[in-house]
Amino acid sequence: AVARAQIYTSQNAITHAEDALLAIGRDPLSRVYAVGPATQKHLEGLGIPAIAPASPGSEPLPALPDFQDVDGLSITIVTGLGGRDHLDVTLRARGANVARYACYAREKIHRPDLENVVSKEGYDHVLVTSVDLLDALTENLSTHLRAGVTVCATSPRIAEAAIDRGYRQIISAQDA
């Protein structure tokens, strides 16, 4: 029987996780999950078998059969500081004992020259992989430039956030 579970939310989470945490993932009494195939592959490269949903993301993961009856199961979510709490909230509501282990922090960068780079050097498409990244971009671009930049969003949720923040040209992928 599985005594505990770990969920890794990104490759950064794996890279910055403590060795002891990764060792727990190798224990036969642990089950390890990844939010997507790239994270799954990274774990497996470290000798940690991992399960990932067919469609990457924090929404499909709790829909897996393994997460339907988690009452009393101890689950550690290995992630970055801040970020979404969808997994925590969903799994706690189903009775799991959830601990969130934040092993890295995203840092917003203020780039006063970004406005010039985008407008004068012809950058008109920006790949956005998280809402945090979108917020950082938004803080560095004027409303006028936001209207002219095409946001390439790696999920429908990020595309929706881009619309809310005033971007008009959006390419939305189903996943990264």
Foldseek 3Di string as FASTA:
>chain_A
DAQAEEEEEDLVLVVQPDPVVLVVLQDPNYAYEYQDDVNQVSNVVVVRHYHYDPQGDPVCVCVDPVNQQAAAHEYEYREAPDDDCSNVVVSVVNHYRYHYHHRHYDDQDADQCVQVCCPPVPQQEDEDEDLVSVVSVLVRYDLVSLQRHEYEYQDVVSVVSSVVSRHDHYHYHNHD
